[in-house]
Protein backbone atom coordinates (compact mmCIF):
# COMPACT_ATOMS: atom_id res chain seq x y z
CA MET A 1 0.00 0.00 0.00
CA ALA A 2 1.41 3.40 -1.00
CA ALA A 3 2.31 5.84 1.76
CA SER A 4 -0.19 8.40 0.44
CA GLU A 5 -3.01 5.83 0.53
CA THR A 6 -2.05 4.84 4.06
CA LEU A 7 -2.18 8.48 5.16
CA THR A 8 -5.58 8.87 3.51
CA ARG A 9 -6.93 5.79 5.29
CA VAL A 10 -5.60 7.02 8.64
CA GLY A 11 -6.98 10.52 8.07
CA VAL A 12 -10.48 9.24 7.27
CA ALA A 13 -10.38 6.95 10.30
CA LEU A 14 -9.27 9.73 12.63
CA ALA A 15 -12.08 11.95 11.34
CA GLY A 16 -14.70 9.24 11.80
CA ILE A 17 -13.70 7.87 15.20
CA PRO A 18 -14.90 10.90 17.27
CA VAL A 19 -18.29 10.77 15.51
CA VAL A 20 -18.70 7.07 16.25
CA VAL A 21 -17.56 7.43 19.86
CA ALA A 22 -19.93 10.34 20.47
CA ALA A 23 -22.88 8.49 18.92
CA ALA A 24 -22.08 5.39 20.98
CA TYR A 25 -21.88 7.45 24.18
CA PHE A 26 -25.22 9.20 23.65
CA GLY A 27 -26.84 6.01 22.36
CA GLY A 28 -30.58 5.96 21.71
CA TRP A 29 -31.82 7.87 18.70
CA VAL A 30 -28.43 9.50 18.10
CA LEU A 31 -26.73 6.16 17.62
CA ALA A 32 -29.76 4.85 15.73
CA ALA A 33 -29.59 7.77 13.28
CA LEU A 34 -25.91 7.11 12.53
CA LEU A 35 -26.44 3.37 12.11
CA ALA A 36 -29.53 3.95 9.96
CA VAL A 37 -27.55 6.15 7.56
CA VAL A 38 -24.77 3.58 7.36
CA ALA A 39 -27.28 0.75 6.82
CA ALA A 40 -28.93 2.65 3.97
CA LEU A 41 -25.53 3.27 2.34
CA VAL A 42 -24.50 -0.37 2.74
CA ALA A 43 -27.78 -1.48 1.15
CA ARG A 44 -27.32 1.00 -1.70
CA GLU A 45 -23.89 -0.38 -2.50
CA LEU A 46 -25.17 -3.95 -2.41
CA PHE A 47 -27.96 -3.05 -4.80
CA ARG A 48 -25.63 -1.28 -7.22
CA MET A 49 -23.28 -4.24 -7.21
CA ALA A 50 -26.19 -6.57 -7.91
CA ALA A 51 -27.44 -4.32 -10.71
CA ARG A 52 -24.28 -5.10 -12.64
CA LYS A 53 -25.83 -8.51 -13.23
CA ALA A 54 -29.41 -9.61 -13.94
CA PRO A 55 -31.22 -8.34 -10.80
CA ARG A 56 -32.56 -4.80 -10.74
CA PRO A 57 -33.20 -4.16 -7.05
CA LEU A 58 -35.78 -1.64 -5.91
CA GLU A 59 -33.06 0.58 -4.51
CA ALA A 60 -35.03 3.34 -2.78
CA LEU A 61 -37.38 0.93 -1.02
CA GLY A 62 -34.53 -1.34 0.01
CA MET A 63 -32.53 1.54 1.45
CA ALA A 64 -35.59 2.78 3.32
CA CYS A 65 -36.18 -0.69 4.73
CA ALA A 66 -32.56 -1.02 5.93
CA ALA A 67 -32.72 2.34 7.70
CA ALA A 68 -36.17 1.62 9.13
CA LEU A 69 -34.96 -1.68 10.62
CA VAL A 70 -32.37 0.22 12.64
CA LEU A 71 -34.73 3.02 13.65
CA ALA A 72 -37.34 0.47 14.72
CA SER A 73 -34.81 -1.01 17.13
CA ALA A 74 -34.48 2.41 18.77
CA ILE A 75 -38.12 2.25 19.88
CA ASP A 76 -37.10 -0.24 22.58
CA PRO A 77 -33.36 -0.89 22.30
CA ALA A 78 -33.17 -2.67 25.65
CA GLY A 79 -35.81 -5.09 24.44
CA GLY A 80 -33.44 -6.61 21.90
CA LEU A 81 -35.05 -9.50 20.09
CA MET A 82 -38.21 -9.05 22.18
CA ASN A 83 -38.83 -5.71 20.48
CA PRO A 84 -41.46 -6.50 17.80
CA ALA A 85 -40.91 -3.30 15.79
CA PRO A 86 -38.04 -4.52 13.52
CA ALA A 87 -39.98 -7.66 12.57
CA ALA A 88 -43.04 -5.54 11.80
CA VAL A 89 -40.91 -3.24 9.62
CA LEU A 90 -39.47 -6.19 7.71
CA VAL A 91 -42.93 -7.66 7.08
CA PHE A 92 -44.32 -4.30 5.98
CA PHE A 93 -41.48 -3.57 3.57
CA THR A 94 -41.46 -7.10 2.18
CA LEU A 95 -45.13 -6.72 1.25
CA LEU A 96 -44.56 -3.18 -0.03
CA ILE A 97 -41.61 -4.25 -2.18
CA ALA A 98 -43.56 -7.17 -3.60
CA THR A 99 -46.46 -4.86 -4.41
CA ALA A 100 -44.23 -2.22 -5.98
CA ALA A 101 -42.56 -4.83 -8.19
CA ILE A 102 -45.87 -5.48 -9.95
CA TRP A 103 -45.68 -2.06 -11.60
CA MET A 104 -41.96 -1.28 -11.37
CA ARG A 105 -40.62 -4.58 -12.73
CA GLY A 106 -43.43 -6.57 -14.29
CA VAL A 107 -42.95 -10.01 -15.78
CA GLU A 108 -40.08 -8.96 -18.04
CA GLY A 109 -38.05 -7.23 -15.29
CA GLU A 110 -36.81 -10.36 -13.47
CA PRO A 111 -39.20 -9.72 -10.55
CA LEU A 112 -38.15 -12.74 -8.50
CA LEU A 113 -34.49 -11.77 -8.58
CA SER A 114 -35.33 -8.12 -7.92
CA LEU A 115 -37.47 -8.98 -4.91
CA ALA A 116 -34.97 -11.46 -3.47
CA VAL A 117 -31.99 -9.11 -3.76
CA THR A 118 -33.92 -6.12 -2.41
CA VAL A 119 -35.21 -7.90 0.69
CA PHE A 120 -31.90 -9.66 1.31
CA GLY A 121 -29.88 -6.46 0.91
CA ALA A 122 -32.14 -4.55 3.30
CA GLY A 123 -32.07 -7.30 5.92
CA TYR A 124 -28.33 -7.79 5.58
CA ALA A 125 -27.57 -4.09 6.04
CA GLY A 126 -30.15 -3.93 8.83
CA LEU A 127 -28.00 -6.26 10.94
CA LEU A 128 -26.23 -3.10 12.08
CA ALA A 129 -29.23 -2.63 14.41
CA PHE A 130 -27.60 -5.17 16.73
CA GLY A 131 -25.09 -2.45 17.59
CA LEU A 132 -27.93 -0.48 19.15
CA ASP A 133 -29.20 -3.55 21.02
CA LEU A 134 -25.71 -4.22 22.35
CA ARG A 135 -25.26 -0.62 23.50
CA HIS A 136 -28.53 -0.82 25.46
CA LEU A 137 -28.41 -4.29 26.96
CA PRO A 138 -30.77 -4.60 29.97
CA GLY A 139 -29.10 -3.38 33.12
CA VAL A 140 -26.73 -0.97 31.39
CA ARG A 141 -27.25 2.39 33.06
CA GLU A 142 -23.97 4.23 32.55
CA PRO A 143 -23.25 5.64 29.06
CA LEU A 144 -19.60 4.69 29.38
CA HIS A 145 -20.58 1.10 30.13
CA GLY A 146 -22.78 0.86 27.05
CA THR A 147 -20.08 2.45 24.93
CA ALA A 148 -17.51 -0.07 26.18
CA LEU A 149 -19.84 -2.96 25.36
CA LEU A 150 -20.52 -1.65 21.86
CA PHE A 151 -16.83 -1.18 21.19
CA ALA A 152 -15.97 -4.73 22.29
CA PRO A 153 -16.76 -6.27 18.87
CA ILE A 154 -15.72 -3.11 17.03
CA ALA A 155 -12.28 -2.91 18.67
CA LEU A 156 -11.61 -6.64 18.35
CA THR A 157 -12.67 -6.58 14.71
CA TRP A 158 -10.15 -3.81 14.13
CA VAL A 159 -7.46 -5.80 15.95
CA SER A 160 -8.28 -8.86 13.84
CA ASP A 161 -8.06 -6.88 10.59
CA THR A 162 -4.81 -5.20 11.63
CA ALA A 163 -3.15 -8.42 12.80
CA ALA A 164 -4.22 -10.17 9.59
CA TYR A 165 -2.71 -7.40 7.49
CA PHE A 166 0.65 -7.24 9.24
CA GLY A 167 0.85 -10.98 9.87
CA GLY A 168 0.09 -11.67 6.22
CA ARG A 169 2.70 -9.19 5.05
CA ALA A 170 5.39 -10.56 7.36
CA MET A 171 4.76 -14.30 7.09
CA GLY A 172 2.09 -14.90 4.47
CA LYS A 173 2.92 -17.69 2.02
CA ARG A 174 -0.09 -19.99 1.72
CA LYS A 175 -3.23 -18.55 0.18
CA LEU A 176 -6.39 -18.92 2.26
CA ILE A 177 -9.13 -18.95 -0.40
CA PRO A 178 -7.49 -17.50 -3.52
CA ARG A 179 -10.58 -17.76 -5.74
CA VAL A 180 -12.53 -15.55 -3.33
CA SER A 181 -9.84 -13.25 -1.94
CA PRO A 182 -6.38 -13.64 -3.53
CA GLY A 183 -4.63 -11.41 -1.00
CA LYS A 184 -5.57 -13.33 2.16
CA THR A 185 -3.19 -15.92 3.55
CA VAL A 186 -3.40 -18.71 6.11
CA GLU A 187 -0.67 -17.02 8.14
CA GLY A 188 -2.58 -13.74 8.11
CA ALA A 189 -5.76 -15.46 9.25
CA LEU A 190 -3.95 -17.19 12.12
CA SER A 191 -2.28 -13.91 13.11
CA ALA A 192 -5.74 -12.33 13.25
CA VAL A 193 -7.02 -15.07 15.55
CA VAL A 194 -4.05 -14.84 17.91
CA GLY A 195 -4.21 -11.05 18.04
CA SER A 196 -7.94 -11.04 18.77
CA ILE A 197 -7.64 -13.68 21.49
CA LEU A 198 -5.02 -11.60 23.31
CA ALA A 199 -6.99 -8.38 22.80
CA GLY A 200 -10.19 -10.08 23.96
CA ALA A 201 -8.55 -11.20 27.20
CA GLY A 202 -7.30 -7.67 27.78
CA TYR A 203 -10.66 -6.11 26.97
CA ALA A 204 -12.31 -8.41 29.52
CA LEU A 205 -10.16 -6.82 32.22
CA LEU A 206 -11.43 -3.41 31.11
CA LEU A 207 -15.07 -4.50 31.31
CA GLN A 208 -14.64 -5.91 34.81
CA ARG A 209 -14.74 -2.40 36.22
CA PHE A 210 -18.45 -2.21 35.39
CA PRO A 211 -21.23 -3.75 37.54
CA ALA A 212 -22.70 -5.96 34.81
CA TYR A 213 -21.65 -7.84 31.69
CA HIS A 214 -18.07 -8.27 32.89
CA PRO A 215 -16.59 -11.39 31.24
CA SER A 216 -13.79 -13.41 32.74
CA VAL A 217 -10.41 -13.37 31.02
CA LEU A 218 -11.20 -16.80 29.56
CA GLN A 219 -14.55 -15.56 28.24
CA GLY A 220 -12.80 -12.52 26.80
CA ALA A 221 -10.30 -14.74 25.01
CA LEU A 222 -13.15 -16.90 23.66
CA PHE A 223 -14.95 -13.77 22.46
CA GLY A 224 -11.77 -12.61 20.74
CA LEU A 225 -11.50 -15.95 18.95
CA LEU A 226 -15.12 -15.80 17.79
CA VAL A 227 -14.87 -12.17 16.70
CA SER A 228 -11.85 -12.94 14.54
CA VAL A 229 -13.55 -15.91 12.88
CA PHE A 230 -16.79 -14.00 12.31
CA ALA A 231 -14.94 -10.89 11.07
CA GLN A 232 -12.92 -12.88 8.56
CA VAL A 233 -15.99 -14.73 7.32
CA GLY A 234 -17.82 -11.40 6.94
CA ASP A 235 -14.92 -10.01 4.95
CA LEU A 236 -14.78 -13.12 2.76
CA ALA A 237 -18.54 -12.97 2.18
CA GLU A 238 -18.20 -9.45 0.83
CA SER A 239 -15.20 -10.48 -1.27
CA LEU A 240 -17.33 -13.25 -2.75
CA LEU A 241 -20.01 -10.76 -3.77
CA LYS A 242 -17.44 -8.39 -5.25
CA ARG A 243 -15.80 -11.17 -7.25
CA ASP A 244 -19.20 -12.26 -8.50
CA THR A 245 -20.09 -8.76 -9.68
CA GLY A 246 -16.61 -7.87 -10.94
CA VAL A 247 -15.83 -4.89 -8.71
CA LYS A 248 -12.72 -4.09 -6.67
CA ASP A 249 -14.51 -1.97 -4.06
CA SER A 250 -18.18 -1.76 -3.15
CA GLY A 251 -18.05 2.04 -3.57
CA THR A 252 -15.96 5.18 -3.24
CA LEU A 253 -17.64 6.78 -0.24
CA LEU A 254 -14.63 6.64 2.08
CA PRO A 255 -11.29 7.65 0.49
CA GLY A 256 -8.69 4.96 1.07
CA HIS A 257 -11.28 2.57 2.47
CA GLY A 258 -13.64 2.04 -0.47
CA GLY A 259 -17.36 1.99 0.21
CA ALA A 260 -19.49 1.66 3.33
CA LEU A 261 -19.81 -2.09 2.77
CA ASP A 262 -16.03 -2.41 2.47
CA ARG A 263 -15.65 -0.71 5.84
CA PHE A 264 -18.50 -2.37 7.73
CA ASP A 265 -18.67 -5.85 6.14
CA SER A 266 -17.13 -7.55 9.17
CA LEU A 267 -19.32 -5.65 11.64
CA LEU A 268 -22.42 -7.08 9.97
CA PHE A 269 -21.21 -10.38 11.45
CA THR A 270 -19.53 -9.29 14.68
CA LEU A 271 -22.19 -6.90 16.05
CA PRO A 272 -24.85 -9.65 16.20
CA LEU A 273 -22.20 -11.93 17.69
CA GLY A 274 -21.46 -9.33 20.37
CA TYR A 275 -25.12 -8.98 21.28
CA PHE A 276 -25.70 -12.73 21.63
CA PHE A 277 -22.40 -13.37 23.41
CA PHE A 278 -22.93 -10.75 26.10
CA SER A 279 -26.63 -11.47 26.57
CA MET A 280 -26.42 -15.29 26.53
CA VAL A 281 -22.86 -16.28 27.51
CA VAL A 282 -21.64 -13.51 29.80
CA GLY A 283 -24.99 -12.29 31.09
CA PRO A 284 -25.65 -9.47 33.54
């Protein structure tokens, strides 16, 4: 990677981190608004990638559905999966999209493919809503506590990506899945796992200062392992879609990083993992 591109990537990251931290700290509708915008952008990029092939997704409706899924979670973020609003939104938009396809696609417009890609893209991008559920787990009263919980999968995903990059550059020889992602190596993947396990154990010590959801060091290490695996699978899943549609990046929204999907592909896997791990394994 050229030095100028590295500086661009770092500059964009430094500009975005305060926004994300502030939204995480305030939580509620502030965090929901940020995640809704990101979800809509992720869905948009998915739809435009798909449009390079046969499907013609109903882009506006799909983006609206992705954003609405996140906003619906903000109605009762502590309710998590017990909050019926996201499911109601998904049902409503599925019916609306199917109805709109009658006139907007017709028989000749590949309606089945259009419907399938639109609903899938909206639901896939809408997984970002789990970040809101994680931030507002039942029993979390202190903003700093919720922020620390939300950043558990985010920070460990970043550690996994970073360790994979440097481990792959230093030791990478054997390709992981070259047909899907030619640049990834077995050594890089193992470096990511080791780095995340160590970071997860350390992050557990940080969380132990809070009154609830404080994992043991062993649980933290296990979470680090799972985050790395989920993050790498999420990255490979996006690489698979990009290879299928013949694009290098999902978009150009973030200089040096590509599109929103390029930046948040792993979090679509690790945010739901974080919610289920802390609510079902660690517990209050």
